[in-house]
Protein backbone atom coordinates (compact mmCIF):
# COMPACT_ATOMS: atom_id res chain seq x y z
CA UNK A 1 25.02 -57.69 -67.41
CA UNK A 2 28.24 -56.58 -65.77
CA UNK A 3 26.79 -53.13 -65.10
CA UNK A 4 23.73 -54.65 -63.51
CA UNK A 5 25.93 -56.73 -61.17
CA UNK A 6 27.91 -53.67 -60.19
CA UNK A 7 24.76 -51.67 -59.45
CA UNK A 8 23.38 -54.53 -57.41
CA UNK A 9 26.64 -54.64 -55.44
CA UNK A 10 26.54 -50.94 -54.76
CA UNK A 11 22.93 -51.24 -53.64
CA UNK A 12 23.74 -54.06 -51.24
CA UNK A 13 26.71 -52.07 -49.89
CA UNK A 14 24.53 -48.98 -49.54
CA UNK A 15 21.84 -50.92 -47.73
CA UNK A 16 24.44 -52.53 -45.48
CA UNK A 17 26.00 -49.13 -44.66
CA UNK A 18 22.59 -47.66 -43.91
CA UNK A 19 21.78 -50.54 -41.61
CA UNK A 20 25.13 -50.14 -39.90
CA UNK A 21 24.63 -46.39 -39.46
CA UNK A 22 21.15 -46.97 -38.13
CA UNK A 23 22.44 -49.56 -35.68
CA UNK A 24 25.16 -47.15 -34.54
CA UNK A 25 22.61 -44.39 -34.12
CA UNK A 26 20.48 -46.69 -32.00
CA UNK A 27 23.52 -47.67 -29.95
CA UNK A 28 24.49 -44.02 -29.48
CA UNK A 29 20.94 -43.14 -28.48
CA UNK A 30 20.94 -46.02 -26.00
CA UNK A 31 24.34 -44.92 -24.68
CA UNK A 32 23.13 -41.32 -24.33
CA UNK A 33 20.09 -42.53 -22.44
CA UNK A 34 22.30 -44.57 -20.11
CA UNK A 35 24.59 -41.58 -19.55
CA UNK A 36 21.59 -39.39 -18.78
CA UNK A 37 20.33 -42.03 -16.36
CA UNK A 38 23.74 -42.29 -14.70
CA UNK A 39 24.01 -38.50 -14.44
CA UNK A 40 20.56 -38.37 -12.86
CA UNK A 41 21.53 -41.11 -10.39
CA UNK A 42 24.82 -39.35 -9.64
CA UNK A 43 22.94 -36.09 -9.09
CA UNK A 44 20.53 -37.78 -6.69
CA UNK A 45 23.45 -39.44 -4.90
CA UNK A 46 25.29 -36.11 -4.62
CA UNK A 47 22.20 -34.33 -3.36
CA UNK A 48 21.50 -37.08 -0.83
CA UNK A 49 25.12 -36.92 0.33
CA UNK A 50 24.89 -33.15 0.80
CA UNK A 51 21.60 -33.42 2.67
CA UNK A 52 22.93 -36.25 4.86
CA UNK A 53 26.16 -34.36 5.54
CA UNK A 54 24.34 -31.35 7.02
CA UNK A 55 21.71 -33.55 8.68
CA UNK A 56 24.45 -35.34 10.62
CA UNK A 57 25.94 -32.07 11.85
CA UNK A 58 22.71 -31.46 13.76
CA UNK A 59 22.89 -34.39 16.24
CA UNK A 60 26.62 -33.77 16.58
CA UNK A 61 25.83 -30.20 17.62
CA UNK A 62 23.22 -31.47 20.08
CA UNK A 63 26.22 -32.95 21.89
CA UNK A 64 27.35 -29.37 22.51
CA UNK A 65 24.20 -28.88 24.56
CA UNK A 66 24.58 -32.17 26.37
CA UNK A 67 28.05 -30.87 27.23
CA UNK A 68 26.82 -27.47 28.39
CA UNK A 69 24.16 -29.19 30.50
CA UNK A 70 26.76 -31.34 32.28
CA UNK A 71 29.25 -28.47 32.44
CA UNK A 72 26.87 -26.02 34.11
CA UNK A 73 25.29 -28.52 36.51
CA UNK A 74 28.73 -29.71 37.57
CA UNK A 75 29.99 -26.13 37.99
CA UNK A 76 26.99 -25.20 40.17
CA UNK A 77 26.97 -25.73 43.90
CA UNK A 78 24.91 -28.66 45.12
CA UNK A 79 21.94 -26.47 46.07
CA UNK A 80 21.59 -25.12 42.51
CA UNK A 81 22.30 -28.14 40.29
CA UNK A 82 18.86 -28.78 38.81
CA UNK A 83 17.98 -25.08 38.50
CA UNK A 84 21.05 -24.66 36.29
CA UNK A 85 19.97 -27.68 34.25
CA UNK A 86 16.40 -26.42 33.81
CA UNK A 87 17.68 -23.08 32.57
CA UNK A 88 19.96 -24.70 30.01
CA UNK A 89 17.26 -27.05 28.72
CA UNK A 90 14.82 -24.15 28.30
CA UNK A 91 17.38 -22.13 26.33
CA UNK A 92 17.56 -24.94 23.77
CA UNK A 93 13.78 -25.39 23.66
CA UNK A 94 12.91 -21.72 23.16
CA UNK A 95 15.57 -21.28 20.50
CA UNK A 96 13.98 -23.73 18.05
CA UNK A 97 10.60 -21.99 17.51
CA UNK A 98 11.95 -18.45 17.75
CA UNK A 99 14.66 -19.13 15.21
CA UNK A 100 12.03 -20.73 12.95
CA UNK A 101 9.60 -17.84 13.20
CA UNK A 102 12.01 -14.91 12.86
CA UNK A 103 15.72 -15.76 13.38
CA UNK A 104 16.14 -17.41 9.98
CA UNK A 105 14.51 -14.39 8.29
CA UNK A 106 16.98 -12.07 10.02
CA UNK A 107 19.94 -14.00 8.56
CA UNK A 108 18.70 -13.54 4.99
CA UNK A 109 17.18 -10.10 5.40
CA UNK A 110 19.98 -8.21 7.19
CA UNK A 111 23.28 -8.80 5.29
CA UNK A 112 23.43 -5.32 3.73
CA UNK A 113 22.45 -3.64 6.99
CA UNK A 114 19.21 -1.98 7.96
CA UNK A 115 18.36 -1.09 4.36
CA UNK A 116 17.20 -4.69 3.77
CA UNK A 117 18.34 -4.34 0.15
CA UNK A 118 19.84 -7.14 -2.00
CA UNK A 119 23.61 -7.57 -1.86
CA UNK A 120 26.10 -8.18 -4.69
CA UNK A 121 25.20 -11.87 -5.01
CA UNK A 122 21.46 -11.11 -4.74
CA UNK A 123 20.89 -13.73 -2.04
CA UNK A 124 19.82 -11.30 0.67
CA UNK A 125 17.44 -8.48 1.47
CA UNK A 126 13.83 -8.31 2.60
CA UNK A 127 12.43 -9.60 -0.69
CA UNK A 128 14.73 -12.62 -0.76
CA UNK A 129 14.12 -13.37 2.94
CA UNK A 130 10.35 -13.11 2.41
CA UNK A 131 10.59 -15.63 -0.43
CA UNK A 132 12.60 -18.29 1.42
CA UNK A 133 12.41 -17.74 5.19
CA UNK A 134 8.90 -16.73 6.23
CA UNK A 135 7.24 -19.55 8.18
CA UNK A 136 4.47 -20.11 5.62
CA UNK A 137 6.56 -20.37 2.43
CA UNK A 138 7.22 -23.71 0.71
CA UNK A 139 10.87 -23.83 1.76
CA UNK A 140 10.03 -23.83 5.49
CA UNK A 141 8.50 -27.29 5.61
CA UNK A 142 8.58 -30.71 3.91
CA UNK A 143 9.21 -30.17 0.21
CA UNK A 144 10.28 -33.02 -2.05
CA UNK A 145 11.85 -30.54 -4.47
CA UNK A 146 14.00 -28.90 -1.77
CA UNK A 147 16.57 -31.00 0.07
CA UNK A 148 18.64 -28.12 1.41
CA UNK A 149 16.53 -25.62 3.34
CA UNK A 150 15.54 -27.91 6.21
CA UNK A 151 19.02 -29.12 7.04
CA UNK A 152 20.54 -25.64 6.66
CA UNK A 153 17.89 -24.19 8.96
CA UNK A 154 18.51 -27.02 11.44
CA UNK A 155 22.26 -26.39 11.50
CA UNK A 156 21.80 -22.64 11.98
CA UNK A 157 19.25 -23.28 14.73
CA UNK A 158 21.90 -25.27 16.59
CA UNK A 159 24.37 -22.41 16.09
CA UNK A 160 21.77 -20.13 17.68
CA UNK A 161 21.23 -22.49 20.60
CA UNK A 162 24.99 -22.58 21.15
CA UNK A 163 25.13 -18.82 21.69
CA UNK A 164 22.41 -19.06 24.35
CA UNK A 165 24.23 -21.90 26.11
CA UNK A 166 27.48 -19.91 26.12
CA UNK A 167 25.73 -17.07 27.93
CA UNK A 168 23.91 -19.47 30.25
CA UNK A 169 26.95 -20.64 32.18
CA UNK A 170 28.10 -17.16 33.15
CA UNK A 171 24.85 -16.31 34.97
CA UNK A 172 24.16 -19.50 36.94
CA UNK A 173 22.95 -19.57 40.55
CA UNK A 174 21.14 -16.19 40.67
CA UNK A 175 19.23 -15.37 37.46
CA UNK A 176 15.45 -15.70 37.12
CA UNK A 177 14.21 -18.23 34.59
CA UNK A 178 11.81 -15.80 32.88
CA UNK A 179 14.48 -13.14 32.46
CA UNK A 180 16.99 -15.71 31.27
CA UNK A 181 14.63 -17.04 28.58
CA UNK A 182 14.00 -13.52 27.25
CA UNK A 183 17.74 -12.84 27.12
CA UNK A 184 18.41 -16.19 25.42
CA UNK A 185 15.88 -15.41 22.69
CA UNK A 186 17.29 -11.91 22.10
CA UNK A 187 20.81 -13.34 21.80
CA UNK A 188 20.14 -16.55 19.91
CA UNK A 189 17.40 -15.46 17.52
CA UNK A 190 18.46 -11.87 16.89
CA UNK A 191 21.79 -10.44 18.12
CA UNK A 192 24.12 -13.18 16.89
CA UNK A 193 22.03 -13.64 13.73
CA UNK A 194 22.65 -10.02 12.76
CA UNK A 195 26.37 -10.64 13.31
CA UNK A 196 26.17 -13.72 11.07
CA UNK A 197 24.26 -11.81 8.38
CA UNK A 198 26.89 -9.08 8.36
CA UNK A 199 30.05 -11.16 8.72
CA UNK A 200 29.19 -14.75 7.72
CA UNK A 201 27.28 -14.27 4.49
CA UNK A 202 28.53 -13.66 0.95
CA UNK A 203 26.44 -10.46 0.81
CA UNK A 204 27.38 -9.33 4.34
CA UNK A 205 28.63 -5.76 4.36
CA UNK A 206 31.50 -6.56 6.74
CA UNK A 207 32.71 -9.13 4.20
CA UNK A 208 32.17 -7.22 0.96
CA UNK A 209 33.44 -3.85 2.24
CA UNK A 210 36.04 -4.77 4.88
CA UNK A 211 37.09 -8.31 3.97
CA UNK A 212 36.13 -9.78 7.35
CA UNK A 213 36.91 -13.51 7.48
CA UNK A 214 35.66 -15.60 10.41
CA UNK A 215 35.36 -19.17 9.11
CA UNK A 216 34.71 -20.88 12.47
CA UNK A 217 32.72 -18.00 14.02
CA UNK A 218 35.23 -16.98 16.70
CA UNK A 219 33.83 -13.46 16.62
CA UNK A 220 30.28 -13.72 15.36
CA UNK A 221 29.24 -16.62 17.62
CA UNK A 222 31.70 -16.83 20.51
CA UNK A 223 32.57 -13.16 21.03
CA UNK A 224 28.99 -11.98 20.53
CA UNK A 225 27.73 -14.49 23.11
CA UNK A 226 30.60 -13.83 25.52
CA UNK A 227 30.14 -10.06 25.56
CA UNK A 228 26.36 -10.38 25.65
CA UNK A 229 26.97 -12.29 28.89
CA UNK A 230 29.24 -9.50 30.14
CA UNK A 231 26.47 -6.93 29.59
CA UNK A 232 24.12 -9.09 31.67
CA UNK A 233 26.65 -9.69 34.45
CA UNK A 234 27.10 -5.96 35.04
CA UNK A 235 23.37 -5.62 35.80
CA UNK A 236 22.93 -9.03 37.42
CA UNK A 237 25.69 -8.61 39.99
CA UNK A 238 27.80 -11.28 41.71
CA UNK A 239 26.53 -14.28 43.64
CA UNK A 240 26.06 -13.74 47.35
CA UNK A 241 29.35 -14.55 49.06
CA UNK A 242 31.52 -14.15 45.98
CA UNK A 243 33.20 -10.92 47.10
CA UNK A 244 34.31 -9.68 50.51
CA UNK A 245 33.89 -6.15 51.81
CA UNK A 246 37.44 -5.28 50.73
CA UNK A 247 36.70 -6.41 47.18
CA UNK A 248 38.69 -9.62 47.37
CA UNK A 249 37.06 -12.66 45.75
CA UNK A 250 36.14 -16.00 47.29
CA UNK A 251 36.23 -19.24 45.30
CA UNK A 252 32.74 -20.71 44.91
CA UNK A 253 33.82 -24.10 43.64
CA UNK A 254 32.02 -26.60 41.44
CA UNK A 255 30.18 -29.30 43.36
CA UNK A 256 31.21 -31.94 40.78
CA UNK A 257 34.34 -31.01 38.85
CA UNK A 258 34.61 -34.37 37.00
CA UNK A 259 31.08 -33.82 35.63
CA UNK A 260 32.16 -30.36 34.46
CA UNK A 261 35.26 -31.73 32.75
CA UNK A 262 33.25 -34.40 30.91
CA UNK A 263 30.80 -31.69 29.87
CA UNK A 264 33.61 -29.62 28.40
CA UNK A 265 34.86 -32.63 26.44
CA UNK A 266 31.34 -33.22 25.06
CA UNK A 267 31.20 -29.59 23.94
CA UNK A 268 34.43 -30.13 22.03
CA UNK A 269 33.06 -33.30 20.41
CA UNK A 270 30.01 -31.32 19.34
CA UNK A 271 32.16 -28.60 17.87
CA UNK A 272 33.34 -31.01 15.19
CA UNK A 273 29.74 -30.95 13.98
CA UNK A 274 29.57 -27.17 14.38
CA UNK A 275 32.66 -26.68 12.22
CA UNK A 276 31.56 -29.32 9.67
CA UNK A 277 28.42 -27.26 9.16
CA UNK A 278 30.57 -24.23 8.26
CA UNK A 279 31.68 -26.01 5.05
CA UNK A 280 29.78 -25.66 1.76
CA UNK A 281 29.65 -29.01 -0.05
CA UNK A 282 30.42 -28.94 -3.83
CA UNK A 283 28.29 -30.06 -6.73
CA UNK A 284 24.87 -28.67 -5.80
CA UNK A 285 22.92 -25.79 -7.33
CA UNK A 286 23.68 -23.69 -4.24
CA UNK A 287 27.38 -24.69 -4.09
CA UNK A 288 30.19 -22.35 -5.04
CA UNK A 289 32.05 -25.04 -7.03
CA UNK A 290 31.28 -28.36 -8.63
CA UNK A 291 34.51 -30.03 -7.58
CA UNK A 292 35.72 -28.66 -4.23
CA UNK A 293 34.29 -27.66 -0.85
CA UNK A 294 34.44 -24.04 0.26
CA UNK A 295 33.89 -21.79 3.22
CA UNK A 296 30.63 -19.91 3.52
CA UNK A 297 32.46 -17.09 1.68
CA UNK A 298 33.16 -19.31 -1.33
CA UNK A 299 36.92 -19.62 -0.70
CA UNK A 300 38.24 -23.16 -1.31
CA UNK A 301 39.10 -25.41 1.63
CA UNK A 302 39.19 -29.07 2.67
CA UNK A 303 37.95 -31.14 5.57
CA UNK A 304 41.58 -32.15 5.98
CA UNK A 305 42.34 -28.57 7.04
CA UNK A 306 39.81 -28.92 9.83
CA UNK A 307 41.25 -32.24 10.94
CA UNK A 308 44.76 -30.80 11.20
CA UNK A 309 43.86 -27.50 12.81
CA UNK A 310 41.09 -28.47 15.24
CA UNK A 311 43.33 -31.12 16.78
CA UNK A 312 46.36 -28.83 16.92
CA UNK A 313 44.37 -25.96 18.44
CA UNK A 314 42.76 -28.36 20.93
CA UNK A 315 46.12 -29.75 22.05
CA UNK A 316 47.77 -26.33 22.16
CA UNK A 317 44.99 -24.93 24.34
CA UNK A 318 45.35 -27.70 26.91
CA UNK A 319 49.13 -27.34 27.06
CA UNK A 320 48.99 -23.54 27.29
CA UNK A 321 46.49 -23.63 30.16
CA UNK A 322 48.38 -26.41 31.93
CA UNK A 323 51.63 -24.45 31.74
CA UNK A 324 50.02 -21.48 33.48
CA UNK A 325 47.57 -23.07 35.94
CA UNK A 326 48.03 -26.86 36.43
CA UNK A 327 44.25 -26.75 37.07
CA UNK A 328 42.14 -29.39 35.22
CA UNK A 329 39.18 -26.99 34.92
CA UNK A 330 41.28 -24.43 33.10
CA UNK A 331 43.02 -27.14 31.07
CA UNK A 332 39.71 -28.35 29.63
CA UNK A 333 38.53 -24.77 29.21
CA UNK A 334 41.85 -24.22 27.46
CA UNK A 335 41.02 -27.02 25.01
CA UNK A 336 37.86 -25.17 24.02
CA UNK A 337 39.66 -21.82 23.95
CA UNK A 338 42.40 -23.32 21.78
CA UNK A 339 39.86 -24.22 19.10
CA UNK A 340 38.12 -20.85 19.39
CA UNK A 341 41.43 -19.00 19.19
CA UNK A 342 42.22 -20.44 15.77
CA UNK A 343 38.60 -20.80 14.59
CA UNK A 344 38.69 -17.79 12.25
CA UNK A 345 41.50 -19.42 10.26
CA UNK A 346 40.85 -23.15 10.61
CA UNK A 347 40.35 -23.26 6.85
CA UNK A 348 43.80 -21.86 5.97
CA UNK A 349 46.18 -22.04 8.94
CA UNK A 350 49.27 -24.23 8.73
CA UNK A 351 48.94 -26.69 11.66
CA UNK A 352 51.93 -25.41 13.71
CA UNK A 353 50.36 -21.94 13.64
CA UNK A 354 47.07 -23.41 14.87
CA UNK A 355 49.01 -25.02 17.72
CA UNK A 356 50.67 -21.70 18.61
CA UNK A 357 47.34 -19.87 18.53
CA UNK A 358 45.77 -22.59 20.67
CA UNK A 359 48.59 -22.49 23.22
CA UNK A 360 48.45 -18.70 23.45
CA UNK A 361 44.68 -18.84 23.94
CA UNK A 362 44.98 -21.43 26.70
CA UNK A 363 47.69 -19.45 28.48
CA UNK A 364 45.64 -16.24 28.37
CA UNK A 365 42.53 -17.72 29.96
CA UNK A 366 43.07 -17.56 33.70
CA UNK A 367 44.94 -14.21 33.77
CA UNK A 368 42.12 -12.61 31.75
CA UNK A 369 39.44 -14.19 33.94
CA UNK A 370 41.21 -12.94 37.08
CA UNK A 371 41.47 -9.44 35.59
CA UNK A 372 37.71 -9.43 35.09
CA UNK A 373 37.11 -10.80 38.59
CA UNK A 374 39.19 -8.02 40.15
CA UNK A 375 36.69 -5.59 38.63
CA UNK A 376 33.80 -7.15 40.49
CA UNK A 377 32.46 -9.32 37.66
CA UNK A 378 31.32 -12.77 38.79
CA UNK A 379 31.50 -14.97 35.69
CA UNK A 380 30.77 -18.39 37.20
CA UNK A 381 32.41 -20.45 34.44
CA UNK A 382 34.74 -18.01 32.68
CA UNK A 383 32.46 -17.71 29.63
CA UNK A 384 33.30 -14.06 28.96
CA UNK A 385 36.99 -14.93 28.76
CA UNK A 386 36.79 -18.28 26.96
CA UNK A 387 34.34 -17.11 24.32
CA UNK A 388 34.44 -13.31 24.35
CA UNK A 389 38.09 -12.40 24.93
CA UNK A 390 39.57 -15.37 23.08
CA UNK A 391 37.03 -15.02 20.25
CA UNK A 392 38.14 -11.46 19.53
CA UNK A 393 41.80 -12.39 20.03
CA UNK A 394 41.52 -15.09 17.37
CA UNK A 395 39.53 -12.88 15.00
CA UNK A 396 42.04 -10.03 15.14
CA UNK A 397 45.11 -12.27 14.95
CA UNK A 398 43.77 -13.77 11.75
CA UNK A 399 44.24 -10.32 10.24
CA UNK A 400 47.91 -10.47 11.26
CA UNK A 401 48.55 -13.91 9.74
CA UNK A 402 46.35 -13.73 6.63
CA UNK A 403 46.59 -10.15 5.34
CA UNK A 404 45.96 -10.11 1.59
CA UNK A 405 43.94 -13.32 1.47
CA UNK A 406 40.79 -12.93 -0.69
CA UNK A 407 37.79 -12.69 1.61
CA UNK A 408 35.38 -13.96 -1.04
CA UNK A 409 35.34 -16.10 -4.16
CA UNK A 410 35.68 -14.03 -7.35
CA UNK A 411 37.70 -11.31 -9.03
CA UNK A 412 38.27 -7.88 -7.49
CA UNK A 413 36.90 -8.91 -4.10
CA UNK A 414 37.86 -7.44 -0.72
CA UNK A 415 40.90 -8.96 0.97
CA UNK A 416 41.67 -9.72 4.60
CA UNK A 417 43.37 -6.90 6.53
CA UNK A 418 44.14 -6.21 10.18
CA UNK A 419 41.99 -3.10 9.87
CA UNK A 420 39.02 -5.08 8.57
CA UNK A 421 39.33 -7.73 11.29
CA UNK A 422 39.48 -5.03 13.98
CA UNK A 423 36.36 -3.40 12.51
CA UNK A 424 34.67 -6.80 12.65
CA UNK A 425 35.80 -7.27 16.25
CA UNK A 426 34.35 -3.90 17.30
CA UNK A 427 31.03 -4.62 15.56
CA UNK A 428 30.75 -8.10 17.09
CA UNK A 429 31.60 -6.74 20.55
CA UNK A 430 28.86 -4.11 20.25
CA UNK A 431 26.31 -6.58 18.85
CA UNK A 432 26.90 -8.68 21.96
CA UNK A 433 27.47 -6.21 24.77
CA UNK A 434 24.90 -3.51 23.95
CA UNK A 435 21.76 -5.68 23.68
CA UNK A 436 22.94 -7.83 26.61
CA UNK A 437 23.33 -4.76 28.81
CA UNK A 438 20.20 -2.91 27.65
CA UNK A 439 17.78 -5.85 27.80
CA UNK A 440 19.08 -7.03 31.18
CA UNK A 441 18.84 -3.47 32.55
CA UNK A 442 15.18 -3.31 31.44
CA UNK A 443 14.49 -6.71 33.01
CA UNK A 444 16.13 -5.50 36.22
CA UNK A 445 13.79 -2.51 36.39
CA UNK A 446 10.80 -4.85 36.18
CA UNK A 447 12.20 -7.25 38.80
CA UNK A 448 12.66 -10.05 36.25
CA UNK A 449 16.44 -10.39 36.29
CA UNK A 450 17.58 -11.74 39.63
CA UNK A 451 16.02 -14.12 42.15
CA UNK A 452 15.34 -12.95 45.70
CA UNK A 453 18.05 -13.08 48.34
CA UNK A 454 16.30 -15.75 50.40
CA UNK A 455 15.94 -18.07 47.40
CA UNK A 456 19.56 -17.58 46.45
CA UNK A 457 20.82 -18.34 49.95
CA UNK A 458 18.66 -21.42 50.41
CA UNK A 459 19.40 -22.66 46.92
CA UNK A 460 17.42 -22.41 43.69
CA UNK A 461 16.69 -26.14 43.67
CA UNK A 462 14.80 -25.83 46.95
CA UNK A 463 13.00 -22.64 45.90
CA UNK A 464 12.31 -23.30 42.21
CA UNK A 465 12.56 -27.01 41.36
CA UNK A 466 10.03 -29.63 42.55
CA UNK A 467 12.54 -32.50 42.76
CA UNK A 468 15.93 -33.09 44.38
CA UNK A 469 19.17 -33.70 42.52
CA UNK A 470 20.56 -35.92 45.28
CA UNK A 471 17.71 -37.27 47.42
CA UNK A 472 20.08 -39.58 49.29
CA UNK A 473 22.73 -36.95 49.77
CA UNK A 474 26.24 -36.73 48.35
CA UNK A 475 29.54 -37.45 50.04
CA UNK A 476 32.09 -34.67 50.04
CA UNK A 477 35.60 -35.32 48.78
CA UNK A 478 38.22 -35.43 51.49
CA UNK A 479 41.10 -33.01 51.42
CA UNK A 480 44.38 -34.46 50.15
CA UNK A 481 46.88 -35.40 52.83
CA UNK A 482 50.36 -34.03 52.70
């Protein structure tokens, strides 16, 4: 009897324990399901954040082109205002389809050079580019399974359009529209893209072999575009009336300097979007890390670094230019140059160094522009100096300040050196100057580079544009009284 009671007790206890275990198993299964659901929701949220982040850089970068539009129209003389605007608008428009059809392929196909072979990270070469960047593949259109390709392509397309707009200002008031469009496409959808593939890609040979580091594209965007413009200017020649018989230069002033200054400020606003798009967001399949943002090279950084250094470079550039010139045009150009001068190291510079680099860049502007002018080069807005000279200055100086810094994420990678940055500077100069000179020379032989003398003298608006910028006229500013 006693034994039977004990056995019954054990049985009840056993049944109770089994029920408890089963209930716990069900609770754990339910908890695991909830965790899986939360992880899935978090993944979707993270992916949507990444897609939105890059998506928002695109309209911000459109402000760069609103700025260039105002900048160039203001810098033109009254008789050429709309012609300068038409040219700038067309540069943007032609860049979108050409970058879609072949520019994006160049970025992924060229990193290891003209061998088109895969690089160390196997995210480059002809095969890889064919798989992800040809116009007819699934990644080059709406794809519910791919929330990265469209926004990355959009951001890079705006980078490309920026290079064309940089060149555009230097050649205003005398270039033919057809020739300009051809040059813009060569620069924006090929020349600078090769520079980006070589020096702004984890598989780029300038990065893997020489440790080139150019976070904010001082060399591979600004210098390439600036020296492409220089190659054109040599063949294009100066505006009529710019130089006297003795070689001295005349000042062909902007018809609306306030419009130009506002345009420059808009360019700077847009460059916040440009530099945001240089950051790789964490936590995605294509990210370098799960927990921290990086440069395009995979080296860790923060948006805080950009906040510190963009503002310090911006302020330094204005102060440096003001100290040398007291001229508001050069002060606002100095603001842009200040950011470009420290762009290569915006991810790592200590803010006082960014300020020093910005101030030096601003101070260098006008003396360098005058040096170029004394050699018979008519750069209407100083683009060669602001973007070309200062771009290479910033790129090379980064090698002075950051020698020994790992150029890539990983073990045993190349490090930053002065030698490597100089090699990068030479390559970027050649990728800009050589195609700019050669293509413009060919266009000149076919009569497609420069407008006729009569059209230039009367004004391109009258000769080429069917509407008037100021149908009711415009009052001239009076000279200041002493």
